[in-house]
Amino acid sequence: MTTTYTFDVFSSLDGFGSATGNWTGYWGKQGPELLDHRLALYAEEQRMVLGATTYREFAQMLAESTEGSEVRDPWVTRMRELPTTVVSNTLRGPLDWPDGTVAGGDAVEVVARLKEESPVPLRSHGSLSLNRALMAAGLVDRVQVTLFPVITGQSGTAPIFQDAADFDLELIESRTLDGRIQELIYRPTLHV
């Protein structure tokens, strides 16, 4: 029996995972409903799966942040407390992550093995190139997009699905948070 794998990502309307300039995290659109929902989502037992780049970015942001900043929102603190596998052929442990381990080798093989062995669901936040490869291999069961009401055509960075394969998406859940943020959960199927 395999466990589920969720690719969890924040996005602007035009498909960017972040932006430069004067945009802040969450593009400045977060509200209490989103933050409470995220904390409840991460309160569930699960294992995080991160790529090396995302791990490095998270570790650096957390190290440079102060208590009470949005980088240290309660859901982010909870995410960091979850058991985490960082898929990397360049990092070596120990990691600056309380329950983090490094798994080297082919990412598809690593995650396929985790799906078979993990007693809890797997979730990845960000890790764009890792998750594009896992989607192409058919290992992503759910794509959870939190869509913020912004267009970052000039300042957008990290195009989420750049160079991804083609997928049909079945909407399995949706909600509006804080009256302006959409959470859309899809089941992806490779389009052939």
C-alpha atoms as a PDB file:
ATOM      1  CA  MET A   1       0.000   0.000   0.000  1.00  0.00           C
ATOM      2  CA  THR A   2       1.383   3.396  -0.917  1.00  0.00           C
ATOM      3  CA  THR A   3       0.789   6.644   0.879  1.00  0.00           C
ATOM      4  CA  THR A   4      -0.316   9.854  -0.803  1.00  0.00           C
ATOM      5  CA  TYR A   5       2.067  12.548  -1.983  1.00  0.00           C
ATOM      6  CA  THR A   6       0.924  16.186  -2.114  1.00  0.00           C
ATOM      7  CA  PHE A   7       2.766  18.897  -4.014  1.00  0.00           C
ATOM      8  CA  ASP A   8       1.828  22.040  -2.063  1.00  0.00           C
ATOM      9  CA  VAL A   9       2.704  25.358  -3.684  1.00  0.00           C
ATOM     10  CA  PHE A  10       1.910  29.069  -3.397  1.00  0.00           C
ATOM     11  CA  SER A  11       1.290  30.857  -6.693  1.00  0.00           C
ATOM     12  CA  SER A  12       0.500  34.220  -8.221  1.00  0.00           C
ATOM     13  CA  LEU A  13      -2.323  34.197 -10.786  1.00  0.00           C
ATOM     14  CA  ASP A  14       0.284  34.107 -13.551  1.00  0.00           C
ATOM     15  CA  GLY A  15       2.030  31.046 -12.154  1.00  0.00           C
ATOM     16  CA  PHE A  16       5.036  32.379 -10.250  1.00  0.00           C
ATOM     17  CA  GLY A  17       6.083  30.988  -6.879  1.00  0.00           C
ATOM     18  CA  SER A  18       7.667  34.244  -5.694  1.00  0.00           C
ATOM     19  CA  ALA A  19       8.535  37.764  -6.800  1.00  0.00           C
ATOM     20  CA  THR A  20      11.224  40.387  -6.459  1.00  0.00           C
ATOM     21  CA  GLY A  21      10.791  44.073  -5.705  1.00  0.00           C
ATOM     22  CA  ASN A  22       8.577  45.257  -2.901  1.00  0.00           C
ATOM     23  CA  TRP A  23       6.422  42.114  -2.747  1.00  0.00           C
ATOM     24  CA  THR A  24       6.543  40.364   0.603  1.00  0.00           C
ATOM     25  CA  GLY A  25       5.972  36.701   1.387  1.00  0.00           C
ATOM     26  CA  TYR A  26       2.386  35.678   0.551  1.00  0.00           C
ATOM     27  CA  TRP A  27       2.510  38.768  -1.703  1.00  0.00           C
ATOM     28  CA  GLY A  28       1.195  40.650   1.352  1.00  0.00           C
ATOM     29  CA  LYS A  29      -2.244  39.047   0.987  1.00  0.00           C
ATOM     30  CA  GLN A  30      -2.259  36.613   3.917  1.00  0.00           C
ATOM     31  CA  GLY A  31      -4.959  36.872   6.528  1.00  0.00           C
ATOM     32  CA  PRO A  32      -5.990  35.011   9.674  1.00  0.00           C
ATOM     33  CA  GLU A  33      -8.100  32.438   7.851  1.00  0.00           C
ATOM     34  CA  LEU A  34      -5.217  31.412   5.585  1.00  0.00           C
ATOM     35  CA  LEU A  35      -2.759  31.233   8.487  1.00  0.00           C
ATOM     36  CA  ASP A  36      -5.157  29.187  10.662  1.00  0.00           C
ATOM     37  CA  HIS A  37      -5.894  26.853   7.748  1.00  0.00           C
ATOM     38  CA  ARG A  38      -2.198  26.330   7.046  1.00  0.00           C
ATOM     39  CA  LEU A  39      -1.523  25.547  10.707  1.00  0.00           C
ATOM     40  CA  ALA A  40      -4.360  22.984  10.761  1.00  0.00           C
ATOM     41  CA  LEU A  41      -3.040  21.449   7.536  1.00  0.00           C
ATOM     42  CA  TYR A  42       0.433  21.028   8.993  1.00  0.00           C
ATOM     43  CA  ALA A  43      -0.848  19.832  12.377  1.00  0.00           C
ATOM     44  CA  GLU A  44      -1.603  16.484  10.753  1.00  0.00           C
ATOM     45  CA  GLU A  45       1.059  13.778  10.948  1.00  0.00           C
ATOM     46  CA  GLN A  46       2.989  13.690   7.697  1.00  0.00           C
ATOM     47  CA  ARG A  47       6.511  13.600   6.298  1.00  0.00           C
ATOM     48  CA  MET A  48       7.886  16.557   4.394  1.00  0.00           C
ATOM     49  CA  VAL A  49       9.906  16.017   1.216  1.00  0.00           C
ATOM     50  CA  LEU A  50      12.106  18.883   0.045  1.00  0.00           C
ATOM     51  CA  GLY A  51      14.631  19.366  -2.703  1.00  0.00           C
ATOM     52  CA  ALA A  52      18.063  20.723  -1.810  1.00  0.00           C
ATOM     53  CA  THR A  53      17.428  24.235  -3.135  1.00  0.00           C
ATOM     54  CA  THR A  54      14.176  24.649  -1.205  1.00  0.00           C
ATOM     55  CA  TYR A  55      15.768  23.231   1.932  1.00  0.00           C
ATOM     56  CA  ARG A  56      18.647  25.732   1.644  1.00  0.00           C
ATOM     57  CA  GLU A  57      16.231  28.630   1.056  1.00  0.00           C
ATOM     58  CA  PHE A  58      14.027  27.657   4.019  1.00  0.00           C
ATOM     59  CA  ALA A  59      17.007  27.117   6.329  1.00  0.00           C
ATOM     60  CA  GLN A  60      18.509  30.490   5.351  1.00  0.00           C
ATOM     61  CA  MET A  61      15.193  32.380   5.697  1.00  0.00           C
ATOM     62  CA  LEU A  62      14.564  30.867   9.115  1.00  0.00           C
ATOM     63  CA  ALA A  63      18.112  31.571  10.293  1.00  0.00           C
ATOM     64  CA  GLU A  64      17.853  35.226   9.199  1.00  0.00           C
ATOM     65  CA  SER A  65      14.317  35.828  10.497  1.00  0.00           C
ATOM     66  CA  THR A  66      13.253  37.174  13.847  1.00  0.00           C
ATOM     67  CA  GLU A  67      10.613  35.756  16.153  1.00  0.00           C
ATOM     68  CA  GLY A  68       7.194  37.024  15.092  1.00  0.00           C
ATOM     69  CA  SER A  69       8.106  37.645  11.433  1.00  0.00           C
ATOM     70  CA  GLU A  70       5.953  36.045   8.723  1.00  0.00           C
ATOM     71  CA  VAL A  71       8.801  33.635   8.018  1.00  0.00           C
ATOM     72  CA  ARG A  72       8.114  32.231  11.463  1.00  0.00           C
ATOM     73  CA  ASP A  73       4.347  31.970  11.191  1.00  0.00           C
ATOM     74  CA  PRO A  74       3.103  29.084  13.365  1.00  0.00           C
ATOM     75  CA  TRP A  75       2.450  26.829  10.372  1.00  0.00           C
ATOM     76  CA  VAL A  76       6.044  27.306   9.163  1.00  0.00           C
ATOM     77  CA  THR A  77       7.342  26.448  12.637  1.00  0.00           C
ATOM     78  CA  ARG A  78       5.155  23.320  12.597  1.00  0.00           C
ATOM     79  CA  MET A  79       6.369  22.381   9.101  1.00  0.00           C
ATOM     80  CA  ARG A  80       9.952  22.586  10.333  1.00  0.00           C
ATOM     81  CA  GLU A  81       9.110  20.253  13.245  1.00  0.00           C
ATOM     82  CA  LEU A  82       7.777  17.493  10.967  1.00  0.00           C
ATOM     83  CA  PRO A  83      10.035  14.627   9.917  1.00  0.00           C
ATOM     84  CA  THR A  84      11.640  15.754   6.670  1.00  0.00           C
ATOM     85  CA  THR A  85      13.512  14.025   3.879  1.00  0.00           C
ATOM     86  CA  VAL A  86      15.711  16.286   1.764  1.00  0.00           C
ATOM     87  CA  VAL A  87      16.410  14.706  -1.618  1.00  0.00           C
ATOM     88  CA  SER A  88      19.926  15.730  -2.608  1.00  0.00           C
ATOM     89  CA  ASN A  89      23.131  14.400  -4.062  1.00  0.00           C
ATOM     90  CA  THR A  90      25.102  17.432  -2.848  1.00  0.00           C
ATOM     91  CA  LEU A  91      24.024  17.953   0.780  1.00  0.00           C
ATOM     92  CA  ARG A  92      25.390  15.931   3.655  1.00  0.00           C
ATOM     93  CA  GLY A  93      23.928  15.634   7.144  1.00  0.00           C
ATOM     94  CA  PRO A  94      23.446  16.598   9.767  1.00  0.00           C
ATOM     95  CA  LEU A  95      20.965  19.213   8.564  1.00  0.00           C
ATOM     96  CA  ASP A  96      19.908  22.367  10.346  1.00  0.00           C
ATOM     97  CA  TRP A  97      16.397  20.907  10.625  1.00  0.00           C
ATOM     98  CA  PRO A  98      15.193  19.165  13.799  1.00  0.00           C
ATOM     99  CA  ASP A  99      14.126  15.853  12.213  1.00  0.00           C
ATOM    100  CA  GLY A 100      15.704  16.194   8.775  1.00  0.00           C
ATOM    101  CA  THR A 101      17.600  13.554   6.868  1.00  0.00           C
ATOM    102  CA  VAL A 102      19.259  13.537   3.459  1.00  0.00           C
ATOM    103  CA  ALA A 103      18.377  10.908   0.868  1.00  0.00           C
ATOM    104  CA  GLY A 104      20.764  10.713  -2.056  1.00  0.00           C
ATOM    105  CA  GLY A 105      20.169   9.076  -5.391  1.00  0.00           C
ATOM    106  CA  ASP A 106      17.561   9.454  -8.090  1.00  0.00           C
ATOM    107  CA  ALA A 107      14.674  11.580  -6.763  1.00  0.00           C
ATOM    108  CA  VAL A 108      12.028   9.453  -8.467  1.00  0.00           C
ATOM    109  CA  GLU A 109      13.425   6.293  -6.881  1.00  0.00           C
ATOM    110  CA  VAL A 110      13.769   7.961  -3.463  1.00  0.00           C
ATOM    111  CA  VAL A 111      10.170   9.197  -3.439  1.00  0.00           C
ATOM    112  CA  ALA A 112       8.787   5.939  -4.881  1.00  0.00           C
ATOM    113  CA  ARG A 113      10.467   4.140  -1.973  1.00  0.00           C
ATOM    114  CA  LEU A 114       9.147   6.694   0.543  1.00  0.00           C
ATOM    115  CA  LYS A 115       5.621   6.260  -0.825  1.00  0.00           C
ATOM    116  CA  GLU A 116       5.909   2.504  -0.263  1.00  0.00           C
ATOM    117  CA  GLU A 117       7.479   2.704   3.198  1.00  0.00           C
ATOM    118  CA  SER A 118       5.986   5.777   4.883  1.00  0.00           C
ATOM    119  CA  PRO A 119       3.195   5.147   7.398  1.00  0.00           C
ATOM    120  CA  VAL A 120       2.080   8.792   7.004  1.00  0.00           C
ATOM    121  CA  PRO A 121       1.242  10.960   3.970  1.00  0.00           C
ATOM    122  CA  LEU A 122       4.038  12.812   2.192  1.00  0.00           C
ATOM    123  CA  ARG A 123       3.915  16.555   1.472  1.00  0.00           C
ATOM    124  CA  SER A 124       6.283  18.890  -0.314  1.00  0.00           C
ATOM    125  CA  HIS A 125       6.040  22.667  -0.128  1.00  0.00           C
ATOM    126  CA  GLY A 126       7.802  24.345  -3.040  1.00  0.00           C
ATOM    127  CA  SER A 127      10.660  22.248  -4.434  1.00  0.00           C
ATOM    128  CA  LEU A 128       9.568  23.067  -7.974  1.00  0.00           C
ATOM    129  CA  SER A 129      12.026  21.092 -10.108  1.00  0.00           C
ATOM    130  CA  LEU A 130      11.761  18.076  -7.795  1.00  0.00           C
ATOM    131  CA  ASN A 131       7.982  18.083  -7.994  1.00  0.00           C
ATOM    132  CA  ARG A 132       7.868  18.591 -11.762  1.00  0.00           C
ATOM    133  CA  ALA A 133       9.988  15.428 -12.108  1.00  0.00           C
ATOM    134  CA  LEU A 134       7.807  13.540  -9.639  1.00  0.00           C
ATOM    135  CA  MET A 135       4.649  14.605 -11.483  1.00  0.00           C
ATOM    136  CA  ALA A 136       6.103  13.374 -14.779  1.00  0.00           C
ATOM    137  CA  ALA A 137       6.849  10.034 -13.086  1.00  0.00           C
ATOM    138  CA  GLY A 138       3.266   9.746 -11.820  1.00  0.00           C
ATOM    139  CA  LEU A 139       4.223   9.984  -8.131  1.00  0.00           C
ATOM    140  CA  VAL A 140       2.232  13.121  -7.222  1.00  0.00           C
ATOM    141  CA  ASP A 141      -1.282  12.279  -6.079  1.00  0.00           C
ATOM    142  CA  ARG A 142      -2.426  15.807  -5.304  1.00  0.00           C
ATOM    143  CA  VAL A 143      -1.367  19.254  -6.477  1.00  0.00           C
ATOM    144  CA  GLN A 144      -2.440  21.808  -3.885  1.00  0.00           C
ATOM    145  CA  VAL A 145      -2.183  25.337  -5.276  1.00  0.00           C
ATOM    146  CA  THR A 146      -2.778  28.300  -3.005  1.00  0.00           C
ATOM    147  CA  LEU A 147      -3.516  31.072  -5.476  1.00  0.00           C
ATOM    148  CA  PHE A 148      -2.881  34.626  -4.328  1.00  0.00           C
ATOM    149  CA  PRO A 149      -4.717  37.515  -6.039  1.00  0.00           C
ATOM    150  CA  VAL A 150      -1.712  39.103  -7.739  1.00  0.00           C
ATOM    151  CA  ILE A 151      -0.110  39.178 -11.171  1.00  0.00           C
ATOM    152  CA  THR A 152       3.660  39.418 -11.055  1.00  0.00           C
ATOM    153  CA  GLY A 153       4.384  39.595 -14.778  1.00  0.00           C
ATOM    154  CA  GLN A 154       7.334  41.981 -14.340  1.00  0.00           C
ATOM    155  CA  SER A 155       8.685  40.782 -11.003  1.00  0.00           C
ATOM    156  CA  GLY A 156       7.685  37.103 -10.847  1.00  0.00           C
ATOM    157  CA  THR A 157      10.355  34.521 -10.131  1.00  0.00           C
ATOM    158  CA  ALA A 158      10.257  30.743  -9.896  1.00  0.00           C
ATOM    159  CA  PRO A 159       7.758  29.847 -12.642  1.00  0.00           C
ATOM    160  CA  ILE A 160       6.039  26.873 -11.076  1.00  0.00           C
ATOM    161  CA  PHE A 161       5.315  24.726 -14.119  1.00  0.00           C
ATOM    162  CA  GLN A 162       8.012  25.943 -16.512  1.00  0.00           C
ATOM    163  CA  ASP A 163       9.132  23.040 -18.709  1.00  0.00           C
ATOM    164  CA  ALA A 164       6.688  20.658 -16.982  1.00  0.00           C
ATOM    165  CA  ALA A 165       4.959  17.879 -18.870  1.00  0.00           C
ATOM    166  CA  ASP A 166       1.306  18.301 -19.885  1.00  0.00           C
ATOM    167  CA  PHE A 167      -1.305  17.240 -17.322  1.00  0.00           C
ATOM    168  CA  ASP A 168      -5.044  16.952 -17.073  1.00  0.00           C
ATOM    169  CA  LEU A 169      -6.239  18.114 -13.654  1.00  0.00           C
ATOM    170  CA  GLU A 170      -9.299  16.852 -11.808  1.00  0.00           C
ATOM    171  CA  LEU A 171     -10.470  19.354  -9.196  1.00  0.00           C
ATOM    172  CA  ILE A 172     -11.096  17.419  -5.990  1.00  0.00           C
ATOM    173  CA  GLU A 173     -11.380  20.281  -3.483  1.00  0.00           C
ATOM    174  CA  SER A 174     -11.488  24.074  -3.394  1.00  0.00           C
ATOM    175  CA  ARG A 175     -11.985  26.846  -0.862  1.00  0.00           C
ATOM    176  CA  THR A 176     -11.697  30.603  -0.540  1.00  0.00           C
ATOM    177  CA  LEU A 177      -9.650  31.960   2.351  1.00  0.00           C
ATOM    178  CA  ASP A 178      -9.834  35.502   3.705  1.00  0.00           C
ATOM    179  CA  GLY A 179     -12.286  36.320   0.908  1.00  0.00           C
ATOM    180  CA  ARG A 180      -9.550  36.562  -1.731  1.00  0.00           C
ATOM    181  CA  ILE A 181      -7.162  33.575  -1.717  1.00  0.00           C
ATOM    182  CA  GLN A 182      -8.100  30.394  -3.566  1.00  0.00           C
ATOM    183  CA  GLU A 183      -6.921  26.963  -2.503  1.00  0.00           C
ATOM    184  CA  LEU A 184      -7.349  24.457  -5.318  1.00  0.00           C
ATOM    185  CA  ILE A 185      -6.534  20.777  -4.926  1.00  0.00           C
ATOM    186  CA  TYR A 186      -6.217  18.690  -8.066  1.00  0.00           C
ATOM    187  CA  ARG A 187      -5.505  15.092  -8.986  1.00  0.00           C
ATOM    188  CA  PRO A 188      -2.994  15.252 -11.868  1.00  0.00           C
ATOM    189  CA  THR A 189      -2.938  12.804 -14.755  1.00  0.00           C
ATOM    190  CA  LEU A 190      -0.259  12.907 -17.415  1.00  0.00           C
ATOM    191  CA  HIS A 191      -1.850  14.084 -20.653  1.00  0.00           C
ATOM    192  CA  VAL A 192      -0.990  11.697 -23.479  1.00  0.00           C
END
